[in-house]
PDB file of N, CA and C in Angstrom:
ATOM      1  N   UNK A   1       6.380   3.590 -55.559  1.00  0.00           N
ATOM      2  CA  UNK A   1       6.344   2.356 -54.810  1.00  0.00           C
ATOM      3  C   UNK A   1       7.026   2.527 -53.448  1.00  0.00           C
ATOM      4  N   UNK A   2       8.140   3.234 -53.428  1.00  0.00           N
ATOM      5  CA  UNK A   2       8.866   3.456 -52.179  1.00  0.00           C
ATOM      6  C   UNK A   2       8.051   4.359 -51.257  1.00  0.00           C
ATOM      7  N   UNK A   3       7.380   5.377 -51.813  1.00  0.00           N
ATOM      8  CA  UNK A   3       6.560   6.272 -50.994  1.00  0.00           C
ATOM      9  C   UNK A   3       5.406   5.530 -50.339  1.00  0.00           C
ATOM     10  N   UNK A   4       4.807   4.592 -51.039  1.00  0.00           N
ATOM     11  CA  UNK A   4       3.700   3.815 -50.491  1.00  0.00           C
ATOM     12  C   UNK A   4       4.185   2.954 -49.325  1.00  0.00           C
ATOM     13  N   UNK A   5       5.374   2.387 -49.426  1.00  0.00           N
ATOM     14  CA  UNK A   5       5.923   1.564 -48.352  1.00  0.00           C
ATOM     15  C   UNK A   5       6.222   2.417 -47.125  1.00  0.00           C
ATOM     16  N   UNK A   6       6.758   3.624 -47.334  1.00  0.00           N
ATOM     17  CA  UNK A   6       7.054   4.502 -46.210  1.00  0.00           C
ATOM     18  C   UNK A   6       5.773   4.971 -45.527  1.00  0.00           C
ATOM     19  N   UNK A   7       4.729   5.229 -46.279  1.00  0.00           N
ATOM     20  CA  UNK A   7       3.454   5.652 -45.699  1.00  0.00           C
ATOM     21  C   UNK A   7       2.856   4.535 -44.850  1.00  0.00           C
ATOM     22  N   UNK A   8       2.993   3.301 -45.289  1.00  0.00           N
ATOM     23  CA  UNK A   8       2.475   2.162 -44.537  1.00  0.00           C
ATOM     24  C   UNK A   8       3.237   2.006 -43.226  1.00  0.00           C
ATOM     25  N   UNK A   9       4.546   2.217 -43.254  1.00  0.00           N
ATOM     26  CA  UNK A   9       5.336   2.103 -42.043  1.00  0.00           C
ATOM     27  C   UNK A   9       5.016   3.236 -41.067  1.00  0.00           C
ATOM     28  N   UNK A  10       4.748   4.424 -41.553  1.00  0.00           N
ATOM     29  CA  UNK A  10       4.417   5.558 -40.698  1.00  0.00           C
ATOM     30  C   UNK A  10       3.140   5.314 -39.923  1.00  0.00           C
ATOM     31  N   UNK A  11       2.154   4.719 -40.531  1.00  0.00           N
ATOM     32  CA  UNK A  11       0.900   4.397 -39.850  1.00  0.00           C
ATOM     33  C   UNK A  11       1.113   3.355 -38.766  1.00  0.00           C
ATOM     34  N   UNK A  12       2.037   2.442 -38.977  1.00  0.00           N
ATOM     35  CA  UNK A  12       2.349   1.415 -37.984  1.00  0.00           C
ATOM     36  C   UNK A  12       2.955   2.017 -36.732  1.00  0.00           C
ATOM     37  N   UNK A  13       3.741   3.072 -36.894  1.00  0.00           N
ATOM     38  CA  UNK A  13       4.346   3.733 -35.742  1.00  0.00           C
ATOM     39  C   UNK A  13       3.303   4.392 -34.860  1.00  0.00           C
ATOM     40  N   UNK A  14       2.279   4.957 -35.486  1.00  0.00           N
ATOM     41  CA  UNK A  14       1.211   5.610 -34.725  1.00  0.00           C
ATOM     42  C   UNK A  14       0.399   4.574 -33.946  1.00  0.00           C
ATOM     43  N   UNK A  15       0.120   3.436 -34.559  1.00  0.00           N
ATOM     44  CA  UNK A  15      -0.645   2.406 -33.855  1.00  0.00           C
ATOM     45  C   UNK A  15       0.184   1.817 -32.715  1.00  0.00           C
ATOM     46  N   UNK A  16       1.494   1.736 -32.902  1.00  0.00           N
ATOM     47  CA  UNK A  16       2.372   1.250 -31.834  1.00  0.00           C
ATOM     48  C   UNK A  16       2.340   2.214 -30.642  1.00  0.00           C
ATOM     49  N   UNK A  17       2.344   3.498 -30.933  1.00  0.00           N
ATOM     50  CA  UNK A  17       2.270   4.504 -29.881  1.00  0.00           C
ATOM     51  C   UNK A  17       0.943   4.401 -29.131  1.00  0.00           C
ATOM     52  N   UNK A  18      -0.145   4.214 -29.858  1.00  0.00           N
ATOM     53  CA  UNK A  18      -1.462   4.054 -29.221  1.00  0.00           C
ATOM     54  C   UNK A  18      -1.492   2.807 -28.345  1.00  0.00           C
ATOM     55  N   UNK A  19      -0.885   1.730 -28.789  1.00  0.00           N
ATOM     56  CA  UNK A  19      -0.847   0.498 -28.002  1.00  0.00           C
ATOM     57  C   UNK A  19      -0.055   0.706 -26.701  1.00  0.00           C
ATOM     58  N   UNK A  20       1.042   1.456 -26.790  1.00  0.00           N
ATOM     59  CA  UNK A  20       1.846   1.719 -25.599  1.00  0.00           C
ATOM     60  C   UNK A  20       1.069   2.570 -24.590  1.00  0.00           C
ATOM     61  N   UNK A  21       0.358   3.575 -25.086  1.00  0.00           N
ATOM     62  CA  UNK A  21      -0.457   4.429 -24.213  1.00  0.00           C
ATOM     63  C   UNK A  21      -1.574   3.598 -23.574  1.00  0.00           C
ATOM     64  N   UNK A  22      -2.213   2.744 -24.356  1.00  0.00           N
ATOM     65  CA  UNK A  22      -3.286   1.901 -23.833  1.00  0.00           C
ATOM     66  C   UNK A  22      -2.738   0.933 -22.779  1.00  0.00           C
ATOM     67  N   UNK A  23      -1.580   0.367 -23.015  1.00  0.00           N
ATOM     68  CA  UNK A  23      -0.970  -0.546 -22.058  1.00  0.00           C
ATOM     69  C   UNK A  23      -0.641   0.175 -20.751  1.00  0.00           C
ATOM     70  N   UNK A  24      -0.098   1.371 -20.831  1.00  0.00           N
ATOM     71  CA  UNK A  24       0.193   2.145 -19.626  1.00  0.00           C
ATOM     72  C   UNK A  24      -1.098   2.472 -18.867  1.00  0.00           C
ATOM     73  N   UNK A  25      -2.143   2.842 -19.582  1.00  0.00           N
ATOM     74  CA  UNK A  25      -3.426   3.167 -18.929  1.00  0.00           C
ATOM     75  C   UNK A  25      -3.982   1.950 -18.195  1.00  0.00           C
ATOM     76  N   UNK A  26      -3.896   0.787 -18.818  1.00  0.00           N
ATOM     77  CA  UNK A  26      -4.383  -0.440 -18.186  1.00  0.00           C
ATOM     78  C   UNK A  26      -3.566  -0.741 -16.934  1.00  0.00           C
ATOM     79  N   UNK A  27      -2.252  -0.620 -17.029  1.00  0.00           N
ATOM     80  CA  UNK A  27      -1.398  -0.862 -15.857  1.00  0.00           C
ATOM     81  C   UNK A  27      -1.720   0.118 -14.740  1.00  0.00           C
ATOM     82  N   UNK A  28      -1.956   1.365 -15.085  1.00  0.00           N
ATOM     83  CA  UNK A  28      -2.251   2.377 -14.073  1.00  0.00           C
ATOM     84  C   UNK A  28      -3.534   2.032 -13.326  1.00  0.00           C
ATOM     85  N   UNK A  29      -4.597   1.712 -14.062  1.00  0.00           N
ATOM     86  CA  UNK A  29      -5.890   1.492 -13.417  1.00  0.00           C
ATOM     87  C   UNK A  29      -5.992   0.151 -12.703  1.00  0.00           C
ATOM     88  N   UNK A  30      -5.209  -0.837 -13.106  1.00  0.00           N
ATOM     89  CA  UNK A  30      -5.306  -2.148 -12.468  1.00  0.00           C
ATOM     90  C   UNK A  30      -4.196  -2.436 -11.471  1.00  0.00           C
ATOM     91  N   UNK A  31      -3.088  -1.690 -11.522  1.00  0.00           N
ATOM     92  CA  UNK A  31      -1.990  -1.985 -10.613  1.00  0.00           C
ATOM     93  C   UNK A  31      -1.582  -0.792  -9.757  1.00  0.00           C
ATOM     94  N   UNK A  32      -1.288   0.320 -10.350  1.00  0.00           N
ATOM     95  CA  UNK A  32      -0.723   1.451  -9.625  1.00  0.00           C
ATOM     96  C   UNK A  32      -1.765   2.132  -8.743  1.00  0.00           C
ATOM     97  N   UNK A  33      -2.923   2.429  -9.295  1.00  0.00           N
ATOM     98  CA  UNK A  33      -3.952   3.151  -8.545  1.00  0.00           C
ATOM     99  C   UNK A  33      -4.450   2.375  -7.318  1.00  0.00           C
ATOM    100  N   UNK A  34      -4.771   1.066  -7.446  1.00  0.00           N
ATOM    101  CA  UNK A  34      -5.196   0.334  -6.242  1.00  0.00           C
ATOM    102  C   UNK A  34      -4.111   0.286  -5.160  1.00  0.00           C
ATOM    103  N   UNK A  35      -2.839   0.182  -5.581  1.00  0.00           N
ATOM    104  CA  UNK A  35      -1.756   0.172  -4.603  1.00  0.00           C
ATOM    105  C   UNK A  35      -1.665   1.506  -3.871  1.00  0.00           C
ATOM    106  N   UNK A  36      -1.868   2.607  -4.589  1.00  0.00           N
ATOM    107  CA  UNK A  36      -1.850   3.924  -3.950  1.00  0.00           C
ATOM    108  C   UNK A  36      -2.994   4.060  -2.952  1.00  0.00           C
ATOM    109  N   UNK A  37      -4.173   3.519  -3.285  1.00  0.00           N
ATOM    110  CA  UNK A  37      -5.307   3.570  -2.365  1.00  0.00           C
ATOM    111  C   UNK A  37      -5.014   2.768  -1.101  1.00  0.00           C
ATOM    112  N   UNK A  38      -4.427   1.564  -1.257  1.00  0.00           N
ATOM    113  CA  UNK A  38      -4.086   0.756  -0.094  1.00  0.00           C
ATOM    114  C   UNK A  38      -3.064   1.475   0.779  1.00  0.00           C
ATOM    115  N   UNK A  39      -2.090   2.106   0.153  1.00  0.00           N
ATOM    116  CA  UNK A  39      -1.055   2.822   0.902  1.00  0.00           C
ATOM    117  C   UNK A  39      -1.661   3.973   1.699  1.00  0.00           C
ATOM    118  N   UNK A  40      -2.626   4.680   1.114  1.00  0.00           N
ATOM    119  CA  UNK A  40      -3.297   5.766   1.830  1.00  0.00           C
ATOM    120  C   UNK A  40      -4.096   5.234   3.018  1.00  0.00           C
ATOM    121  N   UNK A  41      -4.747   4.069   2.864  1.00  0.00           N
ATOM    122  CA  UNK A  41      -5.504   3.470   3.959  1.00  0.00           C
ATOM    123  C   UNK A  41      -4.577   3.067   5.100  1.00  0.00           C
ATOM    124  N   UNK A  42      -3.420   2.497   4.767  1.00  0.00           N
ATOM    125  CA  UNK A  42      -2.447   2.111   5.787  1.00  0.00           C
ATOM    126  C   UNK A  42      -1.944   3.346   6.526  1.00  0.00           C
ATOM    127  N   UNK A  43      -1.636   4.394   5.788  1.00  0.00           N
ATOM    128  CA  UNK A  43      -1.149   5.645   6.390  1.00  0.00           C
ATOM    129  C   UNK A  43      -2.209   6.237   7.309  1.00  0.00           C
ATOM    130  N   UNK A  44      -3.469   6.202   6.879  1.00  0.00           N
ATOM    131  CA  UNK A  44      -4.563   6.725   7.695  1.00  0.00           C
ATOM    132  C   UNK A  44      -4.689   5.925   8.990  1.00  0.00           C
ATOM    133  N   UNK A  45      -4.595   4.597   8.897  1.00  0.00           N
ATOM    134  CA  UNK A  45      -4.677   3.748  10.083  1.00  0.00           C
ATOM    135  C   UNK A  45      -3.546   4.075  11.057  1.00  0.00           C
ATOM    136  N   UNK A  46      -2.328   4.216  10.535  1.00  0.00           N
ATOM    137  CA  UNK A  46      -1.180   4.500  11.388  1.00  0.00           C
ATOM    138  C   UNK A  46      -1.302   5.864  12.056  1.00  0.00           C
ATOM    139  N   UNK A  47      -1.873   6.833  11.373  1.00  0.00           N
ATOM    140  CA  UNK A  47      -2.043   8.158  11.959  1.00  0.00           C
ATOM    141  C   UNK A  47      -3.146   8.193  13.008  1.00  0.00           C
ATOM    142  N   UNK A  48      -4.115   7.281  12.915  1.00  0.00           N
ATOM    143  CA  UNK A  48      -5.244   7.264  13.843  1.00  0.00           C
ATOM    144  C   UNK A  48      -5.102   6.201  14.935  1.00  0.00           C
ATOM    145  N   UNK A  49      -3.887   5.674  15.127  1.00  0.00           N
ATOM    146  CA  UNK A  49      -3.674   4.654  16.162  1.00  0.00           C
ATOM    147  C   UNK A  49      -4.047   5.188  17.535  1.00  0.00           C
ATOM    148  N   UNK A  50      -4.668   4.334  18.331  1.00  0.00           N
ATOM    149  CA  UNK A  50      -4.996   4.673  19.714  1.00  0.00           C
ATOM    150  C   UNK A  50      -4.586   3.510  20.603  1.00  0.00           C
ATOM    151  N   UNK A  51      -4.460   3.773  21.877  1.00  0.00           N
ATOM    152  CA  UNK A  51      -4.128   2.717  22.825  1.00  0.00           C
ATOM    153  C   UNK A  51      -5.238   1.682  22.846  1.00  0.00           C
ATOM    154  N   UNK A  52      -4.850   0.401  22.878  1.00  0.00           N
ATOM    155  CA  UNK A  52      -5.817  -0.691  22.912  1.00  0.00           C
ATOM    156  C   UNK A  52      -6.161  -1.258  21.546  1.00  0.00           C
ATOM    157  N   UNK A  53      -5.631  -0.682  20.486  1.00  0.00           N
ATOM    158  CA  UNK A  53      -5.910  -1.172  19.130  1.00  0.00           C
ATOM    159  C   UNK A  53      -5.122  -2.444  18.867  1.00  0.00           C
ATOM    160  N   UNK A  54      -5.777  -3.458  18.294  1.00  0.00           N
ATOM    161  CA  UNK A  54      -5.087  -4.692  17.916  1.00  0.00           C
ATOM    162  C   UNK A  54      -4.325  -4.442  16.631  1.00  0.00           C
ATOM    163  N   UNK A  55      -3.031  -4.805  16.630  1.00  0.00           N
ATOM    164  CA  UNK A  55      -2.176  -4.550  15.477  1.00  0.00           C
ATOM    165  C   UNK A  55      -1.304  -5.773  15.200  1.00  0.00           C
ATOM    166  N   UNK A  56      -0.673  -5.755  14.028  1.00  0.00           N
ATOM    167  CA  UNK A  56       0.356  -6.733  13.684  1.00  0.00           C
ATOM    168  C   UNK A  56       1.550  -5.938  13.176  1.00  0.00           C
ATOM    169  N   UNK A  57       2.741  -6.304  13.626  1.00  0.00           N
ATOM    170  CA  UNK A  57       3.936  -5.578  13.206  1.00  0.00           C
ATOM    171  C   UNK A  57       4.397  -6.083  11.844  1.00  0.00           C
ATOM    172  N   UNK A  58       5.327  -5.360  11.250  1.00  0.00           N
ATOM    173  CA  UNK A  58       5.874  -5.768   9.967  1.00  0.00           C
ATOM    174  C   UNK A  58       6.571  -7.117  10.045  1.00  0.00           C
ATOM    175  N   UNK A  59       7.000  -7.519  11.220  1.00  0.00           N
ATOM    176  CA  UNK A  59       7.646  -8.816  11.412  1.00  0.00           C
ATOM    177  C   UNK A  59       6.666  -9.936  11.675  1.00  0.00           C
ATOM    178  N   UNK A  60       5.371  -9.614  11.730  1.00  0.00           N
ATOM    179  CA  UNK A  60       4.346 -10.644  11.908  1.00  0.00           C
ATOM    180  C   UNK A  60       3.972 -10.902  13.353  1.00  0.00           C
ATOM    181  N   UNK A  61       4.306 -10.012  14.257  1.00  0.00           N
ATOM    182  CA  UNK A  61       3.980 -10.189  15.670  1.00  0.00           C
ATOM    183  C   UNK A  61       2.664  -9.483  15.971  1.00  0.00           C
ATOM    184  N   UNK A  62       1.719 -10.226  16.535  1.00  0.00           N
ATOM    185  CA  UNK A  62       0.417  -9.677  16.888  1.00  0.00           C
ATOM    186  C   UNK A  62       0.468  -9.125  18.299  1.00  0.00           C
ATOM    187  N   UNK A  63      -0.227  -8.010  18.510  1.00  0.00           N
ATOM    188  CA  UNK A  63      -0.262  -7.423  19.834  1.00  0.00           C
ATOM    189  C   UNK A  63      -1.272  -6.309  19.932  1.00  0.00           C
ATOM    190  N   UNK A  64      -1.203  -5.593  21.046  1.00  0.00           N
ATOM    191  CA  UNK A  64      -2.111  -4.493  21.330  1.00  0.00           C
ATOM    192  C   UNK A  64      -1.282  -3.252  21.640  1.00  0.00           C
ATOM    193  N   UNK A  65      -1.698  -2.112  21.092  1.00  0.00           N
ATOM    194  CA  UNK A  65      -0.974  -0.865  21.317  1.00  0.00           C
ATOM    195  C   UNK A  65      -1.097  -0.475  22.782  1.00  0.00           C
ATOM    196  N   UNK A  66       0.055  -0.284  23.423  1.00  0.00           N
ATOM    197  CA  UNK A  66       0.073   0.134  24.822  1.00  0.00           C
ATOM    198  C   UNK A  66       0.266   1.636  24.928  1.00  0.00           C
ATOM    199  N   UNK A  67       1.187   2.193  24.126  1.00  0.00           N
ATOM    200  CA  UNK A  67       1.390   3.639  24.126  1.00  0.00           C
ATOM    201  C   UNK A  67       2.016   4.063  22.802  1.00  0.00           C
ATOM    202  N   UNK A  68       1.893   5.364  22.505  1.00  0.00           N
ATOM    203  CA  UNK A  68       2.394   5.925  21.254  1.00  0.00           C
ATOM    204  C   UNK A  68       3.273   7.122  21.593  1.00  0.00           C
ATOM    205  N   UNK A  69       4.472   7.152  21.030  1.00  0.00           N
ATOM    206  CA  UNK A  69       5.390   8.268  21.231  1.00  0.00           C
ATOM    207  C   UNK A  69       5.512   9.010  19.905  1.00  0.00           C
ATOM    208  N   UNK A  70       4.787  10.119  19.773  1.00  0.00           N
ATOM    209  CA  UNK A  70       4.789  10.877  18.522  1.00  0.00           C
ATOM    210  C   UNK A  70       6.127  11.556  18.259  1.00  0.00           C
ATOM    211  N   UNK A  71       6.857  11.923  19.310  1.00  0.00           N
ATOM    212  CA  UNK A  71       8.148  12.590  19.134  1.00  0.00           C
ATOM    213  C   UNK A  71       9.166  11.661  18.477  1.00  0.00           C
ATOM    214  N   UNK A  72       9.185  10.401  18.892  1.00  0.00           N
ATOM    215  CA  UNK A  72      10.117   9.420  18.330  1.00  0.00           C
ATOM    216  C   UNK A  72       9.503   8.623  17.189  1.00  0.00           C
ATOM    217  N   UNK A  73       8.203   8.784  16.967  1.00  0.00           N
ATOM    218  CA  UNK A  73       7.463   8.052  15.934  1.00  0.00           C
ATOM    219  C   UNK A  73       7.520   6.539  16.185  1.00  0.00           C
ATOM    220  N   UNK A  74       7.341   6.154  17.462  1.00  0.00           N
ATOM    221  CA  UNK A  74       7.365   4.752  17.844  1.00  0.00           C
ATOM    222  C   UNK A  74       6.073   4.368  18.551  1.00  0.00           C
ATOM    223  N   UNK A  75       5.843   3.069  18.615  1.00  0.00           N
ATOM    224  CA  UNK A  75       4.655   2.522  19.268  1.00  0.00           C
ATOM    225  C   UNK A  75       5.110   1.395  20.187  1.00  0.00           C
ATOM    226  N   UNK A  76       4.622   1.389  21.421  1.00  0.00           N
ATOM    227  CA  UNK A  76       4.866   0.272  22.328  1.00  0.00           C
ATOM    228  C   UNK A  76       3.723  -0.714  22.159  1.00  0.00           C
ATOM    229  N   UNK A  77       4.065  -1.954  21.813  1.00  0.00           N
ATOM    230  CA  UNK A  77       3.067  -2.988  21.535  1.00  0.00           C
ATOM    231  C   UNK A  77       3.213  -4.092  22.569  1.00  0.00           C
ATOM    232  N   UNK A  78       2.110  -4.397  23.251  1.00  0.00           N
ATOM    233  CA  UNK A  78       2.096  -5.486  24.231  1.00  0.00           C
ATOM    234  C   UNK A  78       1.823  -6.778  23.470  1.00  0.00           C
ATOM    235  N   UNK A  79       2.790  -7.718  23.543  1.00  0.00           N
ATOM    236  CA  UNK A  79       2.643  -8.955  22.777  1.00  0.00           C
ATOM    237  C   UNK A  79       2.351 -10.160  23.662  1.00  0.00           C
ATOM    238  N   UNK A  80       2.609 -10.040  24.953  1.00  0.00           N
ATOM    239  CA  UNK A  80       2.298 -11.091  25.920  1.00  0.00           C
ATOM    240  C   UNK A  80       2.238 -10.443  27.296  1.00  0.00           C
ATOM    241  N   UNK A  81       1.886 -11.221  28.302  1.00  0.00           N
ATOM    242  CA  UNK A  81       1.810 -10.677  29.644  1.00  0.00           C
ATOM    243  C   UNK A  81       3.191 -10.183  30.060  1.00  0.00           C
ATOM    244  N   UNK A  82       3.285  -8.937  30.430  1.00  0.00           N
ATOM    245  CA  UNK A  82       4.525  -8.287  30.873  1.00  0.00           C
ATOM    246  C   UNK A  82       5.604  -8.234  29.789  1.00  0.00           C
ATOM    247  N   UNK A  83       5.210  -8.338  28.509  1.00  0.00           N
ATOM    248  CA  UNK A  83       6.165  -8.228  27.400  1.00  0.00           C
ATOM    249  C   UNK A  83       5.695  -7.118  26.472  1.00  0.00           C
ATOM    250  N   UNK A  84       6.486  -6.040  26.422  1.00  0.00           N
ATOM    251  CA  UNK A  84       6.162  -4.894  25.576  1.00  0.00           C
ATOM    252  C   UNK A  84       7.359  -4.627  24.674  1.00  0.00           C
ATOM    253  N   UNK A  85       7.097  -4.515  23.374  1.00  0.00           N
ATOM    254  CA  UNK A  85       8.167  -4.195  22.425  1.00  0.00           C
ATOM    255  C   UNK A  85       7.897  -2.815  21.839  1.00  0.00           C
ATOM    256  N   UNK A  86       8.972  -2.118  21.503  1.00  0.00           N
ATOM    257  CA  UNK A  86       8.861  -0.808  20.870  1.00  0.00           C
ATOM    258  C   UNK A  86       9.202  -0.966  19.406  1.00  0.00           C
ATOM    259  N   UNK A  87       8.288  -0.538  18.540  1.00  0.00           N
ATOM    260  CA  UNK A  87       8.491  -0.654  17.096  1.00  0.00           C
ATOM    261  C   UNK A  87       8.231   0.698  16.439  1.00  0.00           C
ATOM    262  N   UNK A  88       8.754   0.848  15.247  1.00  0.00           N
ATOM    263  CA  UNK A  88       8.507   2.061  14.473  1.00  0.00           C
ATOM    264  C   UNK A  88       7.040   2.114  14.081  1.00  0.00           C
ATOM    265  N   UNK A  89       6.482   3.296  14.117  1.00  0.00           N
ATOM    266  CA  UNK A  89       5.059   3.471  13.809  1.00  0.00           C
ATOM    267  C   UNK A  89       4.732   3.026  12.378  1.00  0.00           C
ATOM    268  N   UNK A  90       5.703   3.137  11.465  1.00  0.00           N
ATOM    269  CA  UNK A  90       5.479   2.751  10.079  1.00  0.00           C
ATOM    270  C   UNK A  90       5.428   1.251   9.853  1.00  0.00           C
ATOM    271  N   UNK A  91       5.811   0.461  10.864  1.00  0.00           N
ATOM    272  CA  UNK A  91       5.778  -0.995  10.701  1.00  0.00           C
ATOM    273  C   UNK A  91       4.630  -1.630  11.468  1.00  0.00           C
ATOM    274  N   UNK A  92       3.613  -0.849  11.786  1.00  0.00           N
ATOM    275  CA  UNK A  92       2.430  -1.346  12.489  1.00  0.00           C
ATOM    276  C   UNK A  92       1.247  -1.292  11.532  1.00  0.00           C
ATOM    277  N   UNK A  93       0.544  -2.435  11.421  1.00  0.00           N
ATOM    278  CA  UNK A  93      -0.575  -2.538  10.494  1.00  0.00           C
ATOM    279  C   UNK A  93      -1.817  -3.054  11.209  1.00  0.00           C
ATOM    280  N   UNK A  94      -2.953  -2.909  10.561  1.00  0.00           N
ATOM    281  CA  UNK A  94      -4.230  -3.339  11.126  1.00  0.00           C
ATOM    282  C   UNK A  94      -4.239  -4.861  11.260  1.00  0.00           C
ATOM    283  N   UNK A  95      -4.703  -5.339  12.401  1.00  0.00           N
ATOM    284  CA  UNK A  95      -4.829  -6.775  12.652  1.00  0.00           C
ATOM    285  C   UNK A  95      -6.138  -7.249  12.038  1.00  0.00           C
ATOM    286  N   UNK A  96      -6.043  -7.849  10.872  1.00  0.00           N
ATOM    287  CA  UNK A  96      -7.251  -8.280  10.160  1.00  0.00           C
ATOM    288  C   UNK A  96      -7.871  -9.516  10.810  1.00  0.00           C
ATOM    289  N   UNK A  97      -7.105 -10.275  11.591  1.00  0.00           N
ATOM    290  CA  UNK A  97      -7.638 -11.467  12.243  1.00  0.00           C
ATOM    291  C   UNK A  97      -8.655 -11.106  13.316  1.00  0.00           C
ATOM    292  N   UNK A  98      -8.462  -9.971  13.980  1.00  0.00           N
ATOM    293  CA  UNK A  98      -9.371  -9.551  15.046  1.00  0.00           C
ATOM    294  C   UNK A  98     -10.313  -8.448  14.627  1.00  0.00           C
ATOM    295  N   UNK A  99     -10.421  -8.204  13.321  1.00  0.00           N
ATOM    296  CA  UNK A  99     -11.300  -7.165  12.801  1.00  0.00           C
ATOM    297  C   UNK A  99     -12.547  -7.830  12.226  1.00  0.00           C
ATOM    298  N   UNK A 100     -13.734  -7.364  12.596  1.00  0.00           N
ATOM    299  CA  UNK A 100     -14.943  -7.949  12.013  1.00  0.00           C
ATOM    300  C   UNK A 100     -14.994  -7.674  10.504  1.00  0.00           C
ATOM    301  N   UNK A 101     -15.521  -8.645   9.783  1.00  0.00           N
ATOM    302  CA  UNK A 101     -15.633  -8.484   8.329  1.00  0.00           C
ATOM    303  C   UNK A 101     -16.609  -7.380   7.980  1.00  0.00           C
ATOM    304  N   UNK A 102     -16.254  -6.586   6.993  1.00  0.00           N
ATOM    305  CA  UNK A 102     -17.123  -5.500   6.540  1.00  0.00           C
ATOM    306  C   UNK A 102     -17.909  -5.979   5.347  1.00  0.00           C
ATOM    307  N   UNK A 103     -19.149  -5.561   5.254  1.00  0.00           N
ATOM    308  CA  UNK A 103     -19.988  -5.955   4.119  1.00  0.00           C
ATOM    309  C   UNK A 103     -20.013  -4.866   3.085  1.00  0.00           C
TER     310      UNK A 103
END
């Protein structure tokens, strides 16, 4: 009788392990992987910045790239007439408001 109870509990441990693996797989495909893809797209955009590109800074300021300093890893962004701010290249993102919708 005791052996039968232990065998039943052993099978439960295996199903628990399978559930944990399945839960991790679901989290990976629905949360982690899409975030990694978005991060790669952002990195690609930042590496391909050119003068005249419409951008938004991490602080929410919209502007246009005036110049890029690769040595300092900074970008000069024109935000108004005669107003240029220097921001870190990693805090510059694509301006979705001025980007045509893709189909």
